[in-house]
Amino acid sequence: MLHVIEELAGDWRQLDQRIDGLSGEIEALAGQDQACSRLMTVPGIGPIISSAMVAAIGTGDVFSKGRDFGAWLGLVPKQISTGDRTILGKISRRGNRYLRVLFVQAAWVVLVRIKDWERYGLKSWIEAAKRRLHHNVLAIALANKLARIAWAVLAKGRAFELTRTDDAGVRSA
């Protein structure tokens, strides 16, 4: 039995080395691509998400606005309307599941790094949303926001930057 466990541990180490090698290749390829480099300026987005997004939607021309991209990913709530009443349900979960999961993970990373909220201009938005939303719903809403920002960065061909509209509001350019 000990021999089997040692073999499994060896297999585990080999898989870790292979994953590290492939991650390094993805980082190198993403660093060479201009679209991926621009996407990596968005908070929470690294080489894996940027390369997956570029592979999935190219330059983003297939979507007319970021809202359409968020809906395609399935990061918007299902809407049930009867008469004059609209009920928002769970997220639709349509579109590219892998990319949606990556954006949700990016949102959790951003939520955990409280010190970076101010730098990326997300502090006021996150704090306001935190008061009214459950933490899981907040993560999905932030994932939708990050996806829309990422689409804008990709479609406009510029890196993520903040433009101050006034003292109270900050918007991404």
N, C-alpha and C. Protein backbone atom coordinates (compact mmCIF):
# COMPACT_ATOMS: atom_id res chain seq x y z
N MET A 1 0.82 -1.19 0.00
CA MET A 1 0.00 0.00 0.00
C MET A 1 0.87 1.26 0.00
N LEU A 2 1.96 1.22 0.72
CA LEU A 2 2.87 2.37 0.79
C LEU A 2 3.45 2.67 -0.58
N HIS A 3 3.76 1.62 -1.34
CA HIS A 3 4.30 1.78 -2.69
C HIS A 3 3.30 2.49 -3.61
N VAL A 4 2.03 2.16 -3.50
CA VAL A 4 0.99 2.79 -4.32
C VAL A 4 0.87 4.28 -3.98
N ILE A 5 0.91 4.59 -2.71
CA ILE A 5 0.82 5.99 -2.28
C ILE A 5 2.02 6.79 -2.77
N GLU A 6 3.22 6.19 -2.73
CA GLU A 6 4.41 6.87 -3.24
C GLU A 6 4.30 7.14 -4.74
N GLU A 7 3.76 6.17 -5.49
CA GLU A 7 3.57 6.36 -6.93
C GLU A 7 2.55 7.47 -7.21
N LEU A 8 1.49 7.49 -6.45
CA LEU A 8 0.48 8.54 -6.62
C LEU A 8 1.06 9.93 -6.30
N ALA A 9 1.89 10.00 -5.27
CA ALA A 9 2.53 11.27 -4.93
C ALA A 9 3.47 11.71 -6.05
N GLY A 10 4.17 10.77 -6.65
CA GLY A 10 5.04 11.09 -7.79
C GLY A 10 4.24 11.59 -8.98
N ASP A 11 3.12 10.92 -9.24
CA ASP A 11 2.23 11.38 -10.32
C ASP A 11 1.73 12.79 -10.04
N TRP A 12 1.39 13.06 -8.79
CA TRP A 12 0.90 14.38 -8.40
C TRP A 12 1.97 15.44 -8.67
N ARG A 13 3.21 15.15 -8.30
CA ARG A 13 4.31 16.10 -8.53
C ARG A 13 4.52 16.34 -10.02
N GLN A 14 4.44 15.29 -10.83
CA GLN A 14 4.59 15.44 -12.28
C GLN A 14 3.47 16.32 -12.86
N LEU A 15 2.24 16.12 -12.39
CA LEU A 15 1.13 16.96 -12.85
C LEU A 15 1.34 18.42 -12.45
N ASP A 16 1.83 18.65 -11.23
CA ASP A 16 2.11 20.02 -10.80
C ASP A 16 3.16 20.67 -11.69
N GLN A 17 4.22 19.92 -12.02
CA GLN A 17 5.26 20.46 -12.90
C GLN A 17 4.71 20.76 -14.29
N ARG A 18 3.85 19.88 -14.79
CA ARG A 18 3.25 20.09 -16.12
C ARG A 18 2.34 21.32 -16.11
N ILE A 19 1.56 21.47 -15.05
CA ILE A 19 0.67 22.63 -14.92
C ILE A 19 1.49 23.91 -14.85
N ASP A 20 2.57 23.90 -14.08
CA ASP A 20 3.45 25.08 -14.00
C ASP A 20 4.04 25.42 -15.36
N GLY A 21 4.44 24.42 -16.11
CA GLY A 21 5.00 24.65 -17.44
C GLY A 21 3.97 25.24 -18.40
N LEU A 22 2.77 24.69 -18.39
CA LEU A 22 1.72 25.20 -19.26
C LEU A 22 1.29 26.60 -18.85
N SER A 23 1.25 26.86 -17.55
CA SER A 23 0.91 28.21 -17.08
C SER A 23 1.95 29.21 -17.53
N GLY A 24 3.21 28.81 -17.50
CA GLY A 24 4.28 29.68 -17.99
C GLY A 24 4.14 29.98 -19.47
N GLU A 25 3.77 28.96 -20.25
CA GLU A 25 3.56 29.16 -21.69
C GLU A 25 2.40 30.12 -21.95
N ILE A 26 1.31 29.95 -21.19
CA ILE A 26 0.15 30.85 -21.35
C ILE A 26 0.54 32.28 -21.00
N GLU A 27 1.29 32.45 -19.92
CA GLU A 27 1.74 33.80 -19.53
C GLU A 27 2.62 34.42 -20.62
N ALA A 28 3.51 33.64 -21.19
CA ALA A 28 4.39 34.15 -22.25
C ALA A 28 3.58 34.55 -23.49
N LEU A 29 2.65 33.71 -23.88
CA LEU A 29 1.82 34.01 -25.06
C LEU A 29 0.93 35.23 -24.81
N ALA A 30 0.36 35.33 -23.61
CA ALA A 30 -0.50 36.47 -23.29
C ALA A 30 0.31 37.76 -23.23
N GLY A 31 1.53 37.67 -22.79
CA GLY A 31 2.38 38.86 -22.73
C GLY A 31 2.76 39.37 -24.11
N GLN A 32 2.81 38.48 -25.09
CA GLN A 32 3.18 38.87 -26.45
C GLN A 32 2.00 39.45 -27.23
N ASP A 33 0.78 39.08 -26.85
CA ASP A 33 -0.42 39.55 -27.57
C ASP A 33 -0.86 40.90 -26.99
N GLN A 34 -1.07 41.88 -27.85
CA GLN A 34 -1.44 43.22 -27.39
C GLN A 34 -2.81 43.24 -26.73
N ALA A 35 -3.77 42.52 -27.28
CA ALA A 35 -5.11 42.50 -26.69
C ALA A 35 -5.08 41.90 -25.29
N CYS A 36 -4.33 40.82 -25.13
CA CYS A 36 -4.21 40.19 -23.81
C CYS A 36 -3.50 41.12 -22.83
N SER A 37 -2.48 41.80 -23.29
CA SER A 37 -1.76 42.74 -22.42
C SER A 37 -2.68 43.86 -21.94
N ARG A 38 -3.52 44.37 -22.83
CA ARG A 38 -4.48 45.41 -22.44
C ARG A 38 -5.49 44.87 -21.44
N LEU A 39 -5.97 43.66 -21.68
CA LEU A 39 -6.95 43.07 -20.77
C LEU A 39 -6.37 42.84 -19.37
N MET A 40 -5.08 42.55 -19.31
CA MET A 40 -4.47 42.30 -18.00
C MET A 40 -4.34 43.57 -17.15
N THR A 41 -4.67 44.73 -17.71
CA THR A 41 -4.69 45.96 -16.91
C THR A 41 -5.98 46.09 -16.12
N VAL A 42 -7.00 45.30 -16.45
CA VAL A 42 -8.27 45.31 -15.72
C VAL A 42 -8.07 44.56 -14.41
N PRO A 43 -8.62 45.06 -13.29
CA PRO A 43 -8.42 44.39 -12.01
C PRO A 43 -8.97 42.96 -12.02
N GLY A 44 -8.17 42.04 -11.49
CA GLY A 44 -8.58 40.65 -11.37
C GLY A 44 -8.33 39.81 -12.60
N ILE A 45 -7.95 40.42 -13.70
CA ILE A 45 -7.76 39.67 -14.95
C ILE A 45 -6.27 39.46 -15.19
N GLY A 46 -5.92 38.20 -15.33
CA GLY A 46 -4.53 37.83 -15.58
C GLY A 46 -4.40 37.17 -16.94
N PRO A 47 -3.30 36.46 -17.14
CA PRO A 47 -3.05 35.85 -18.45
C PRO A 47 -4.06 34.78 -18.85
N ILE A 48 -4.56 34.01 -17.92
CA ILE A 48 -5.48 32.94 -18.27
C ILE A 48 -6.83 33.51 -18.73
N ILE A 49 -7.37 34.46 -17.97
CA ILE A 49 -8.66 35.05 -18.34
C ILE A 49 -8.52 35.84 -19.64
N SER A 50 -7.44 36.60 -19.76
CA SER A 50 -7.28 37.42 -20.96
C SER A 50 -7.15 36.55 -22.20
N SER A 51 -6.37 35.49 -22.13
CA SER A 51 -6.21 34.63 -23.30
C SER A 51 -7.51 33.88 -23.60
N ALA A 52 -8.25 33.48 -22.57
CA ALA A 52 -9.53 32.79 -22.80
C ALA A 52 -10.54 33.74 -23.43
N MET A 53 -10.54 35.00 -23.00
CA MET A 53 -11.48 35.96 -23.55
C MET A 53 -11.16 36.28 -25.01
N VAL A 54 -9.88 36.47 -25.30
CA VAL A 54 -9.49 36.75 -26.69
C VAL A 54 -9.79 35.54 -27.57
N ALA A 55 -9.57 34.34 -27.05
CA ALA A 55 -9.88 33.14 -27.83
C ALA A 55 -11.38 33.00 -28.06
N ALA A 56 -12.19 33.43 -27.09
CA ALA A 56 -13.64 33.26 -27.21
C ALA A 56 -14.29 34.31 -28.10
N ILE A 57 -13.89 35.59 -27.95
CA ILE A 57 -14.60 36.64 -28.69
C ILE A 57 -13.71 37.49 -29.59
N GLY A 58 -12.44 37.18 -29.67
CA GLY A 58 -11.54 37.93 -30.56
C GLY A 58 -11.42 39.38 -30.12
N THR A 59 -11.80 40.29 -30.99
CA THR A 59 -11.70 41.72 -30.67
C THR A 59 -12.96 42.27 -30.02
N GLY A 60 -13.97 41.45 -29.85
CA GLY A 60 -15.20 41.90 -29.21
C GLY A 60 -16.18 42.55 -30.16
N ASP A 61 -15.92 42.50 -31.46
CA ASP A 61 -16.79 43.14 -32.45
C ASP A 61 -18.18 42.50 -32.54
N VAL A 62 -18.31 41.26 -32.10
CA VAL A 62 -19.60 40.58 -32.21
C VAL A 62 -20.64 41.15 -31.25
N PHE A 63 -20.20 41.91 -30.26
CA PHE A 63 -21.12 42.52 -29.30
C PHE A 63 -21.13 44.03 -29.51
N SER A 64 -22.31 44.62 -29.48
CA SER A 64 -22.40 46.06 -29.69
C SER A 64 -22.11 46.84 -28.42
N LYS A 65 -22.27 46.22 -27.27
CA LYS A 65 -21.98 46.89 -25.99
C LYS A 65 -21.64 45.85 -24.93
N GLY A 66 -21.06 46.33 -23.84
CA GLY A 66 -20.64 45.46 -22.76
C GLY A 66 -21.79 44.71 -22.12
N ARG A 67 -22.96 45.30 -22.10
CA ARG A 67 -24.14 44.65 -21.54
C ARG A 67 -24.46 43.37 -22.30
N ASP A 68 -24.29 43.40 -23.61
CA ASP A 68 -24.54 42.21 -24.43
C ASP A 68 -23.53 41.11 -24.11
N PHE A 69 -22.28 41.50 -23.87
CA PHE A 69 -21.25 40.52 -23.52
C PHE A 69 -21.57 39.89 -22.16
N GLY A 70 -21.97 40.71 -21.18
CA GLY A 70 -22.35 40.18 -19.86
C GLY A 70 -23.53 39.22 -19.95
N ALA A 71 -24.49 39.55 -20.81
CA ALA A 71 -25.65 38.67 -20.99
C ALA A 71 -25.23 37.37 -21.68
N TRP A 72 -24.32 37.48 -22.66
CA TRP A 72 -23.84 36.28 -23.35
C TRP A 72 -23.11 35.34 -22.38
N LEU A 73 -22.40 35.93 -21.43
CA LEU A 73 -21.71 35.11 -20.43
C LEU A 73 -22.67 34.47 -19.44
N GLY A 74 -23.87 35.03 -19.32
CA GLY A 74 -24.83 34.50 -18.36
C GLY A 74 -24.68 35.12 -16.99
N LEU A 75 -24.14 36.33 -16.93
CA LEU A 75 -23.91 37.01 -15.64
C LEU A 75 -25.02 38.00 -15.30
N VAL A 76 -26.13 37.95 -16.01
CA VAL A 76 -27.26 38.83 -15.71
C VAL A 76 -28.41 37.97 -15.19
N PRO A 77 -29.26 38.55 -14.34
CA PRO A 77 -30.37 37.76 -13.80
C PRO A 77 -31.46 37.49 -14.84
N LYS A 78 -32.11 36.34 -14.68
CA LYS A 78 -33.27 36.04 -15.51
C LYS A 78 -34.37 37.01 -15.11
N GLN A 79 -35.12 37.46 -16.07
CA GLN A 79 -36.17 38.43 -15.80
C GLN A 79 -37.52 37.79 -16.09
N ILE A 80 -38.38 37.81 -15.09
CA ILE A 80 -39.74 37.29 -15.24
C ILE A 80 -40.68 38.47 -15.10
N SER A 81 -41.43 38.74 -16.16
CA SER A 81 -42.33 39.90 -16.15
C SER A 81 -43.77 39.44 -16.32
N THR A 82 -44.62 39.91 -15.43
CA THR A 82 -46.05 39.66 -15.55
C THR A 82 -46.76 40.98 -15.32
N GLY A 83 -47.43 41.45 -16.32
CA GLY A 83 -48.15 42.72 -16.17
C GLY A 83 -47.19 43.86 -15.91
N ASP A 84 -47.37 44.52 -14.79
CA ASP A 84 -46.52 45.66 -14.45
C ASP A 84 -45.43 45.30 -13.44
N ARG A 85 -45.28 44.02 -13.14
CA ARG A 85 -44.33 43.59 -12.13
C ARG A 85 -43.18 42.83 -12.76
N THR A 86 -41.95 43.20 -12.41
CA THR A 86 -40.76 42.54 -12.92
C THR A 86 -40.02 41.89 -11.77
N ILE A 87 -39.72 40.61 -11.92
CA ILE A 87 -39.00 39.87 -10.88
C ILE A 87 -37.67 39.44 -11.47
N LEU A 88 -36.59 39.75 -10.74
CA LEU A 88 -35.26 39.32 -11.17
C LEU A 88 -34.91 38.03 -10.44
N GLY A 89 -34.53 37.02 -11.20
CA GLY A 89 -34.21 35.72 -10.61
C GLY A 89 -32.71 35.48 -10.55
N LYS A 90 -32.35 34.20 -10.64
CA LYS A 90 -30.94 33.81 -10.60
C LYS A 90 -30.29 34.15 -11.94
N ILE A 91 -28.95 34.09 -11.97
CA ILE A 91 -28.26 34.39 -13.23
C ILE A 91 -28.64 33.33 -14.26
N SER A 92 -28.63 33.73 -15.52
CA SER A 92 -29.12 32.87 -16.59
C SER A 92 -28.18 31.70 -16.89
N ARG A 93 -26.90 31.85 -16.65
CA ARG A 93 -25.89 30.81 -16.89
C ARG A 93 -25.86 30.34 -18.34
N ARG A 94 -26.06 31.24 -19.23
CA ARG A 94 -25.95 30.91 -20.65
C ARG A 94 -24.57 31.30 -21.13
N GLY A 95 -24.22 30.88 -22.32
CA GLY A 95 -22.95 31.30 -22.89
C GLY A 95 -21.79 30.43 -22.48
N ASN A 96 -20.63 31.01 -22.48
CA ASN A 96 -19.38 30.31 -22.24
C ASN A 96 -19.19 30.08 -20.74
N ARG A 97 -19.40 28.85 -20.31
CA ARG A 97 -19.33 28.51 -18.88
C ARG A 97 -17.93 28.75 -18.32
N TYR A 98 -16.92 28.33 -19.06
CA TYR A 98 -15.53 28.47 -18.59
C TYR A 98 -15.18 29.93 -18.35
N LEU A 99 -15.52 30.79 -19.30
CA LEU A 99 -15.21 32.21 -19.17
C LEU A 99 -16.01 32.84 -18.03
N ARG A 100 -17.27 32.42 -17.86
CA ARG A 100 -18.08 32.94 -16.76
C ARG A 100 -17.46 32.58 -15.41
N VAL A 101 -17.03 31.34 -15.28
CA VAL A 101 -16.40 30.90 -14.02
C VAL A 101 -15.13 31.70 -13.76
N LEU A 102 -14.35 31.95 -14.81
CA LEU A 102 -13.13 32.73 -14.63
C LEU A 102 -13.43 34.16 -14.17
N PHE A 103 -14.45 34.78 -14.72
CA PHE A 103 -14.80 36.13 -14.29
C PHE A 103 -15.33 36.15 -12.86
N VAL A 104 -16.06 35.13 -12.46
CA VAL A 104 -16.54 35.06 -11.07
C VAL A 104 -15.34 34.89 -10.13
N GLN A 105 -14.37 34.08 -10.50
CA GLN A 105 -13.17 33.93 -9.68
C GLN A 105 -12.39 35.23 -9.61
N ALA A 106 -12.33 35.96 -10.71
CA ALA A 106 -11.66 37.26 -10.72
C ALA A 106 -12.36 38.22 -9.77
N ALA A 107 -13.69 38.17 -9.75
CA ALA A 107 -14.46 39.04 -8.85
C ALA A 107 -14.15 38.72 -7.39
N TRP A 108 -14.06 37.44 -7.06
CA TRP A 108 -13.72 37.07 -5.69
C TRP A 108 -12.32 37.55 -5.32
N VAL A 109 -11.39 37.48 -6.26
CA VAL A 109 -10.03 37.96 -6.00
C VAL A 109 -10.06 39.46 -5.70
N VAL A 110 -10.82 40.21 -6.50
CA VAL A 110 -10.91 41.65 -6.28
C VAL A 110 -11.57 41.94 -4.93
N LEU A 111 -12.61 41.19 -4.58
CA LEU A 111 -13.29 41.42 -3.31
C LEU A 111 -12.40 41.14 -2.11
N VAL A 112 -11.51 40.18 -2.24
CA VAL A 112 -10.62 39.83 -1.14
C VAL A 112 -9.53 40.89 -0.94
N ARG A 113 -9.11 41.52 -2.02
CA ARG A 113 -8.03 42.52 -1.95
C ARG A 113 -8.61 43.91 -1.71
N ILE A 114 -8.98 44.18 -0.49
CA ILE A 114 -9.64 45.44 -0.12
C ILE A 114 -8.77 46.65 -0.40
N LYS A 115 -7.46 46.51 -0.24
CA LYS A 115 -6.55 47.65 -0.45
C LYS A 115 -6.55 48.15 -1.90
N ASP A 116 -6.86 47.27 -2.86
CA ASP A 116 -6.81 47.65 -4.28
C ASP A 116 -8.09 48.32 -4.77
N TRP A 117 -9.14 48.33 -3.97
CA TRP A 117 -10.41 48.90 -4.42
C TRP A 117 -10.27 50.37 -4.81
N GLU A 118 -9.56 51.11 -3.99
CA GLU A 118 -9.38 52.55 -4.25
C GLU A 118 -8.59 52.77 -5.52
N ARG A 119 -7.54 52.00 -5.71
CA ARG A 119 -6.66 52.17 -6.87
C ARG A 119 -7.39 51.95 -8.19
N TYR A 120 -8.32 51.02 -8.20
CA TYR A 120 -9.05 50.71 -9.43
C TYR A 120 -10.37 51.47 -9.54
N GLY A 121 -10.69 52.31 -8.56
CA GLY A 121 -11.91 53.09 -8.61
C GLY A 121 -13.16 52.30 -8.31
N LEU A 122 -13.03 51.18 -7.63
CA LEU A 122 -14.17 50.33 -7.33
C LEU A 122 -14.66 50.45 -5.89
N LYS A 123 -13.96 51.23 -5.07
CA LYS A 123 -14.26 51.28 -3.65
C LYS A 123 -15.70 51.73 -3.37
N SER A 124 -16.11 52.84 -3.93
CA SER A 124 -17.45 53.35 -3.64
C SER A 124 -18.53 52.39 -4.16
N TRP A 125 -18.32 51.83 -5.34
CA TRP A 125 -19.30 50.90 -5.90
C TRP A 125 -19.42 49.65 -5.06
N ILE A 126 -18.28 49.06 -4.67
CA ILE A 126 -18.31 47.82 -3.88
C ILE A 126 -18.91 48.07 -2.51
N GLU A 127 -18.53 49.18 -1.86
CA GLU A 127 -19.07 49.45 -0.53
C GLU A 127 -20.58 49.69 -0.57
N ALA A 128 -21.06 50.39 -1.58
CA ALA A 128 -22.51 50.61 -1.71
C ALA A 128 -23.23 49.29 -1.98
N ALA A 129 -22.67 48.47 -2.85
CA ALA A 129 -23.29 47.18 -3.18
C ALA A 129 -23.21 46.22 -2.00
N LYS A 130 -22.15 46.32 -1.22
CA LYS A 130 -21.96 45.44 -0.06
C LYS A 130 -23.06 45.65 0.98
N ARG A 131 -23.53 46.89 1.10
CA ARG A 131 -24.57 47.19 2.09
C ARG A 131 -25.92 46.59 1.70
N ARG A 132 -26.17 46.41 0.40
CA ARG A 132 -27.50 45.97 -0.01
C ARG A 132 -27.55 44.56 -0.60
N LEU A 133 -26.39 43.95 -0.87
CA LEU A 133 -26.38 42.64 -1.52
C LEU A 133 -25.70 41.58 -0.65
N HIS A 134 -26.16 40.36 -0.80
CA HIS A 134 -25.49 39.22 -0.20
C HIS A 134 -24.12 39.08 -0.85
N HIS A 135 -23.13 38.55 -0.13
CA HIS A 135 -21.76 38.51 -0.67
C HIS A 135 -21.64 37.69 -1.95
N ASN A 136 -22.44 36.63 -2.10
CA ASN A 136 -22.40 35.85 -3.35
C ASN A 136 -23.00 36.63 -4.52
N VAL A 137 -24.07 37.35 -4.26
CA VAL A 137 -24.70 38.17 -5.30
C VAL A 137 -23.76 39.31 -5.68
N LEU A 138 -23.07 39.86 -4.68
CA LEU A 138 -22.08 40.91 -4.93
C LEU A 138 -20.97 40.41 -5.85
N ALA A 139 -20.52 39.19 -5.63
CA ALA A 139 -19.45 38.63 -6.48
C ALA A 139 -19.92 38.49 -7.93
N ILE A 140 -21.16 38.07 -8.14
CA ILE A 140 -21.69 37.93 -9.49
C ILE A 140 -21.85 39.31 -10.13
N ALA A 141 -22.34 40.28 -9.36
CA ALA A 141 -22.50 41.64 -9.90
C ALA A 141 -21.14 42.23 -10.27
N LEU A 142 -20.14 41.99 -9.43
CA LEU A 142 -18.79 42.48 -9.73
C LEU A 142 -18.21 41.75 -10.94
N ALA A 143 -18.48 40.46 -11.06
CA ALA A 143 -18.02 39.71 -12.23
C ALA A 143 -18.62 40.30 -13.51
N ASN A 144 -19.90 40.66 -13.45
CA ASN A 144 -20.56 41.28 -14.60
C ASN A 144 -19.90 42.62 -14.90
N LYS A 145 -19.61 43.39 -13.87
CA LYS A 145 -18.96 44.70 -14.06
C LYS A 145 -17.57 44.52 -14.68
N LEU A 146 -16.81 43.56 -14.17
CA LEU A 146 -15.47 43.31 -14.72
C LEU A 146 -15.54 42.84 -16.17
N ALA A 147 -16.53 42.01 -16.48
CA ALA A 147 -16.68 41.53 -17.85
C ALA A 147 -17.00 42.68 -18.79
N ARG A 148 -17.85 43.59 -18.34
CA ARG A 148 -18.21 44.74 -19.18
C ARG A 148 -17.01 45.67 -19.36
N ILE A 149 -16.24 45.86 -18.30
CA ILE A 149 -15.02 46.68 -18.41
C ILE A 149 -14.04 46.02 -19.37
N ALA A 150 -13.87 44.69 -19.23
CA ALA A 150 -12.94 43.96 -20.09
C ALA A 150 -13.38 44.05 -21.55
N TRP A 151 -14.68 43.95 -21.81
CA TRP A 151 -15.15 44.10 -23.19
C TRP A 151 -14.82 45.49 -23.72
N ALA A 152 -15.02 46.52 -22.89
CA ALA A 152 -14.73 47.89 -23.33
C ALA A 152 -13.25 48.06 -23.65
N VAL A 153 -12.40 47.48 -22.81
CA VAL A 153 -10.95 47.56 -23.05
C VAL A 153 -10.61 46.88 -24.36
N LEU A 154 -11.20 45.73 -24.61
CA LEU A 154 -10.92 44.98 -25.83
C LEU A 154 -11.48 45.68 -27.07
N ALA A 155 -12.71 46.17 -26.97
CA ALA A 155 -13.36 46.77 -28.13
C ALA A 155 -12.77 48.13 -28.49
N LYS A 156 -12.39 48.91 -27.47
CA LYS A 156 -11.85 50.25 -27.74
C LYS A 156 -10.35 50.23 -28.04
N GLY A 157 -9.69 49.13 -27.73
CA GLY A 157 -8.27 49.02 -28.04
C GLY A 157 -7.38 49.85 -27.13
N ARG A 158 -7.85 50.13 -25.92
CA ARG A 158 -7.05 50.90 -24.95
C ARG A 158 -6.93 50.12 -23.65
N ALA A 159 -5.90 50.42 -22.89
CA ALA A 159 -5.72 49.79 -21.59
C ALA A 159 -6.72 50.38 -20.60
N PHE A 160 -6.95 49.67 -19.51
CA PHE A 160 -7.87 50.14 -18.46
C PHE A 160 -7.26 51.35 -17.77
N GLU A 161 -8.05 52.39 -17.68
CA GLU A 161 -7.62 53.59 -16.96
C GLU A 161 -8.85 54.24 -16.35
N LEU A 162 -8.64 55.02 -15.34
CA LEU A 162 -9.74 55.71 -14.67
C LEU A 162 -9.83 57.13 -15.16
N THR A 163 -11.06 57.59 -15.34
CA THR A 163 -11.29 59.00 -15.65
C THR A 163 -12.20 59.52 -14.56
N ARG A 164 -11.78 60.54 -13.92
CA ARG A 164 -12.60 61.11 -12.85
C ARG A 164 -13.62 62.05 -13.45
N THR A 165 -14.89 61.79 -13.16
CA THR A 165 -15.96 62.66 -13.66
C THR A 165 -16.19 63.80 -12.68
N ASP A 166 -16.10 63.51 -11.39
CA ASP A 166 -16.17 64.51 -10.33
C ASP A 166 -15.58 63.87 -9.09
N ASP A 167 -15.72 64.51 -7.95
CA ASP A 167 -15.14 63.95 -6.72
C ASP A 167 -15.87 62.69 -6.28
N ALA A 168 -17.15 62.59 -6.55
CA ALA A 168 -17.94 61.45 -6.08
C ALA A 168 -17.85 60.25 -7.01
N GLY A 169 -17.76 60.49 -8.31
CA GLY A 169 -17.84 59.36 -9.24
C GLY A 169 -16.58 59.14 -10.02
N VAL A 170 -16.30 57.88 -10.25
CA VAL A 170 -15.15 57.49 -11.07
C VAL A 170 -15.67 56.50 -12.09
N ARG A 171 -15.32 56.67 -13.33
CA ARG A 171 -15.74 55.72 -14.35
C ARG A 171 -14.52 55.25 -15.11
N SER A 172 -14.65 54.06 -15.68
CA SER A 172 -13.53 53.53 -16.47
C SER A 172 -13.62 54.06 -17.89
N ALA A 173 -12.49 54.27 -18.49
CA ALA A 173 -12.45 54.79 -19.88
C ALA A 173 -12.16 53.69 -20.84
